């Protein structure tokens, strides 16, 4: 008896799977919706090549790299990486504390 029920349930589910998309498209067109699949639009890139010179120059033979920053450098980030890690750690601790409180 169980095999009979299983086969009937599987047949109904397969009918739902195969008939779902055509049924939804039919109902949508009857209600006035455009049920055609969207067409991808081909666009050309709008970026142009840059004409700015490179900010890094190759080192000459025997030259050592310097750590000096140019005077036009922007300010450092407002939050350092270590403070981000501390913030992330405290957030994880809060999540762990609330999950243990719940049960």
Protein backbone atom coordinates (compact mmCIF):
# COMPACT_ATOMS: atom_id res chain seq x y z
CA UNK A 1 0.00 0.00 0.00
CA UNK A 2 2.86 2.39 0.78
CA UNK A 3 4.38 1.90 -2.69
CA UNK A 4 1.08 2.79 -4.29
CA UNK A 5 0.83 6.04 -2.29
CA UNK A 6 4.44 6.91 -3.07
CA UNK A 7 3.98 6.36 -6.79
CA UNK A 8 0.81 8.48 -6.83
CA UNK A 9 2.55 11.28 -4.89
CA UNK A 10 5.58 11.15 -7.22
CA UNK A 11 3.35 11.29 -10.32
CA UNK A 12 1.49 14.33 -8.97
CA UNK A 13 4.73 16.12 -8.06
CA UNK A 14 6.29 15.40 -11.46
CA UNK A 15 3.16 16.79 -13.14
CA UNK A 16 3.50 19.95 -11.03
CA UNK A 17 7.18 20.29 -11.95
CA UNK A 18 6.62 19.87 -15.69
CA UNK A 19 3.42 21.92 -15.93
CA UNK A 20 4.37 24.81 -13.61
CA UNK A 21 6.17 27.06 -16.13
CA UNK A 22 3.68 26.65 -19.00
CA UNK A 23 0.78 27.24 -16.61
CA UNK A 24 2.32 30.39 -15.13
CA UNK A 25 3.09 31.72 -18.63
CA UNK A 26 -0.47 30.99 -19.79
CA UNK A 27 -2.04 32.67 -16.75
CA UNK A 28 0.30 35.65 -17.10
CA UNK A 29 -0.56 36.21 -20.75
CA UNK A 30 -4.29 35.93 -19.93
CA UNK A 31 -3.83 38.67 -17.31
CA UNK A 32 -2.05 40.89 -19.84
CA UNK A 33 1.57 40.53 -18.72
CA UNK A 34 4.45 40.25 -21.18
CA UNK A 35 5.72 36.77 -20.37
CA UNK A 36 8.52 36.65 -22.95
CA UNK A 37 12.01 36.12 -21.52
CA UNK A 38 14.04 39.33 -21.25
CA UNK A 39 16.46 40.06 -24.09
CA UNK A 40 19.99 40.98 -23.08
CA UNK A 41 21.02 44.35 -24.44
CA UNK A 42 24.45 44.59 -26.00
CA UNK A 43 26.23 47.74 -24.88
CA UNK A 44 29.70 48.98 -25.64
CA UNK A 45 31.95 49.97 -22.75
CA UNK A 46 31.81 53.67 -21.99
CA UNK A 47 35.23 53.89 -20.37
CA UNK A 48 38.07 55.54 -22.18
CA UNK A 49 41.75 54.73 -21.85
CA UNK A 50 43.57 56.83 -19.31
CA UNK A 51 46.34 59.14 -20.33
CA UNK A 52 47.82 59.63 -16.87
CA UNK A 53 51.40 58.45 -16.38
CA UNK A 54 52.10 55.53 -14.12
CA UNK A 55 52.57 56.39 -10.44
CA UNK A 56 55.22 53.70 -9.95
CA UNK A 57 58.48 53.64 -11.83
CA UNK A 58 60.75 50.61 -12.21
CA UNK A 59 63.90 50.61 -10.09
CA UNK A 60 67.26 51.06 -11.75
CA UNK A 61 69.97 48.45 -11.25
CA UNK A 62 71.32 48.64 -7.70
CA UNK A 63 68.70 51.13 -6.53
CA UNK A 64 66.87 50.37 -3.27
CA UNK A 65 63.18 51.07 -2.78
CA UNK A 66 62.25 53.97 -0.54
CA UNK A 67 59.39 54.15 1.91
CA UNK A 68 58.84 57.88 1.57
CA UNK A 69 55.38 58.95 0.48
CA UNK A 70 54.83 61.80 -1.92
CA UNK A 71 53.51 65.06 -0.48
CA UNK A 72 50.25 64.73 -2.41
CA UNK A 73 49.27 61.49 -0.62
CA UNK A 74 45.79 61.31 0.81
CA UNK A 75 45.13 60.96 4.51
CA UNK A 76 45.26 57.54 6.15
CA UNK A 77 42.06 55.56 6.65
CA UNK A 78 39.94 56.60 9.62
CA UNK A 79 39.84 53.06 11.04
CA UNK A 80 42.96 50.94 11.16
CA UNK A 81 42.93 47.23 10.42
CA UNK A 82 43.54 46.31 14.06
CA UNK A 83 40.55 48.31 15.27
CA UNK A 84 38.41 46.65 12.59
CA UNK A 85 39.48 43.25 13.87
CA UNK A 86 38.69 44.29 17.45
CA UNK A 87 35.27 45.53 16.35
CA UNK A 88 34.61 42.29 14.48
CA UNK A 89 35.70 40.27 17.49
CA UNK A 90 33.38 42.16 19.83
CA UNK A 91 30.53 41.71 17.35
CA UNK A 92 31.19 37.95 17.30
CA UNK A 93 31.24 37.91 21.09
CA UNK A 94 27.87 39.71 21.24
CA UNK A 95 26.38 37.22 18.78
CA UNK A 96 27.72 34.28 20.78
CA UNK A 97 26.39 35.78 24.03
CA UNK A 98 22.91 36.32 22.63
CA UNK A 99 22.75 32.85 21.11
CA UNK A 100 23.63 31.25 24.46
CA UNK A 101 21.01 33.39 26.23
CA UNK A 102 18.29 32.11 23.91
CA UNK A 103 18.59 28.57 24.75
